[in-house]
N, C-alpha and C. Protein backbone atom coordinates (compact mmCIF):
# COMPACT_ATOMS: atom_id res chain seq x y z
N MET A 1 9.24 -20.73 -17.00
CA MET A 1 8.93 -20.89 -15.59
C MET A 1 10.22 -20.80 -14.78
N ILE A 2 10.18 -20.03 -13.72
CA ILE A 2 11.33 -19.85 -12.84
C ILE A 2 11.34 -20.98 -11.82
N ARG A 3 12.48 -21.61 -11.66
CA ARG A 3 12.61 -22.66 -10.64
C ARG A 3 13.17 -22.03 -9.37
N PRO A 4 12.39 -22.06 -8.28
CA PRO A 4 12.86 -21.44 -7.04
C PRO A 4 14.19 -22.00 -6.54
N SER A 5 14.48 -23.24 -6.82
CA SER A 5 15.74 -23.82 -6.35
C SER A 5 16.96 -23.14 -6.98
N LYS A 6 16.78 -22.50 -8.12
CA LYS A 6 17.89 -21.80 -8.78
C LYS A 6 18.05 -20.37 -8.27
N LEU A 7 17.09 -19.90 -7.47
CA LEU A 7 17.14 -18.53 -6.98
C LEU A 7 18.16 -18.36 -5.87
N GLY A 8 18.24 -19.29 -4.96
CA GLY A 8 19.13 -19.19 -3.81
C GLY A 8 18.34 -19.27 -2.52
N THR A 9 18.88 -18.71 -1.43
CA THR A 9 18.24 -18.77 -0.13
C THR A 9 17.27 -17.61 0.04
N TYR A 10 16.00 -17.94 0.34
CA TYR A 10 14.96 -16.93 0.52
C TYR A 10 13.81 -17.53 1.32
N LYS A 11 12.92 -16.66 1.76
CA LYS A 11 11.67 -17.05 2.39
C LYS A 11 10.56 -16.29 1.68
N THR A 12 9.36 -16.81 1.75
CA THR A 12 8.23 -16.11 1.14
C THR A 12 7.13 -15.90 2.16
N GLY A 13 6.34 -14.87 1.91
CA GLY A 13 5.13 -14.59 2.65
C GLY A 13 3.98 -14.54 1.67
N ASN A 14 2.88 -13.96 2.08
CA ASN A 14 1.72 -13.89 1.19
C ASN A 14 2.01 -13.11 -0.08
N THR A 15 2.72 -12.00 0.07
CA THR A 15 2.94 -11.13 -1.10
C THR A 15 4.38 -10.67 -1.24
N TYR A 16 5.30 -11.35 -0.57
CA TYR A 16 6.68 -10.86 -0.64
C TYR A 16 7.68 -11.99 -0.74
N LEU A 17 8.86 -11.63 -1.17
CA LEU A 17 10.02 -12.52 -1.24
C LEU A 17 11.08 -11.91 -0.33
N TYR A 18 11.43 -12.61 0.73
CA TYR A 18 12.39 -12.10 1.70
C TYR A 18 13.75 -12.72 1.42
N VAL A 19 14.69 -11.88 0.99
CA VAL A 19 16.05 -12.33 0.70
C VAL A 19 16.86 -12.28 1.99
N ILE A 20 17.39 -13.41 2.40
CA ILE A 20 18.13 -13.48 3.65
C ILE A 20 19.52 -12.86 3.48
N LYS A 21 20.25 -13.27 2.47
CA LYS A 21 21.55 -12.68 2.14
C LYS A 21 21.59 -12.47 0.64
N LEU A 22 21.78 -11.23 0.24
CA LEU A 22 21.80 -10.93 -1.19
C LEU A 22 22.88 -11.71 -1.91
N SER A 23 23.98 -11.99 -1.23
CA SER A 23 25.07 -12.74 -1.87
C SER A 23 24.68 -14.18 -2.17
N ASP A 24 23.59 -14.69 -1.54
CA ASP A 24 23.13 -16.06 -1.80
C ASP A 24 22.18 -16.14 -2.98
N ILE A 25 21.73 -14.99 -3.47
CA ILE A 25 20.72 -14.95 -4.53
C ILE A 25 21.39 -14.89 -5.90
N THR A 26 20.86 -15.64 -6.83
CA THR A 26 21.31 -15.59 -8.22
C THR A 26 20.58 -14.42 -8.88
N ILE A 27 21.31 -13.35 -9.12
CA ILE A 27 20.71 -12.10 -9.60
C ILE A 27 19.98 -12.27 -10.93
N ASP A 28 20.53 -13.03 -11.86
CA ASP A 28 19.87 -13.23 -13.15
C ASP A 28 18.52 -13.93 -12.98
N VAL A 29 18.43 -14.88 -12.06
CA VAL A 29 17.16 -15.57 -11.81
C VAL A 29 16.17 -14.61 -11.15
N LEU A 30 16.65 -13.77 -10.23
CA LEU A 30 15.79 -12.77 -9.61
C LEU A 30 15.25 -11.79 -10.65
N LYS A 31 16.10 -11.35 -11.58
CA LYS A 31 15.67 -10.45 -12.64
C LYS A 31 14.57 -11.11 -13.48
N ASP A 32 14.76 -12.38 -13.82
CA ASP A 32 13.76 -13.11 -14.60
C ASP A 32 12.44 -13.23 -13.83
N LEU A 33 12.51 -13.44 -12.53
CA LEU A 33 11.32 -13.55 -11.69
C LEU A 33 10.56 -12.22 -11.66
N VAL A 34 11.28 -11.12 -11.48
CA VAL A 34 10.64 -9.80 -11.46
C VAL A 34 10.03 -9.49 -12.82
N ARG A 35 10.76 -9.77 -13.88
CA ARG A 35 10.26 -9.50 -15.24
C ARG A 35 9.00 -10.33 -15.51
N SER A 36 9.02 -11.59 -15.13
CA SER A 36 7.87 -12.47 -15.34
C SER A 36 6.66 -11.99 -14.54
N SER A 37 6.88 -11.58 -13.30
CA SER A 37 5.80 -11.08 -12.47
C SER A 37 5.20 -9.80 -13.05
N PHE A 38 6.06 -8.90 -13.49
CA PHE A 38 5.60 -7.65 -14.09
C PHE A 38 4.78 -7.92 -15.35
N ASP A 39 5.28 -8.80 -16.20
CA ASP A 39 4.55 -9.14 -17.43
C ASP A 39 3.18 -9.74 -17.11
N HIS A 40 3.14 -10.60 -16.12
CA HIS A 40 1.87 -11.22 -15.71
C HIS A 40 0.88 -10.16 -15.23
N LEU A 41 1.35 -9.25 -14.37
CA LEU A 41 0.47 -8.22 -13.83
C LEU A 41 -0.03 -7.26 -14.90
N THR A 42 0.86 -6.86 -15.82
CA THR A 42 0.43 -5.92 -16.86
C THR A 42 -0.50 -6.56 -17.87
N THR A 43 -0.40 -7.87 -18.04
CA THR A 43 -1.32 -8.59 -18.92
C THR A 43 -2.68 -8.76 -18.24
N LYS A 44 -2.65 -9.08 -16.96
CA LYS A 44 -3.90 -9.31 -16.22
C LYS A 44 -4.62 -8.01 -15.90
N HIS A 45 -3.87 -6.94 -15.64
CA HIS A 45 -4.44 -5.65 -15.25
C HIS A 45 -3.87 -4.54 -16.11
N PRO A 46 -4.26 -4.49 -17.39
CA PRO A 46 -3.72 -3.43 -18.26
C PRO A 46 -4.21 -2.05 -17.79
N SER A 47 -3.37 -1.06 -17.99
CA SER A 47 -3.75 0.31 -17.55
C SER A 47 -4.48 1.07 -18.63
């Protein structure tokens, strides 16, 4: 599970993650978040 507090400064909407300053974001945590989201979507909606 990704902890949002480790990601850095951001805002969210219904379907997006808005990065205010890229330099505030922990890139490794963002990579894990994207990977986790992709894995979830491909498991839920296989092609």
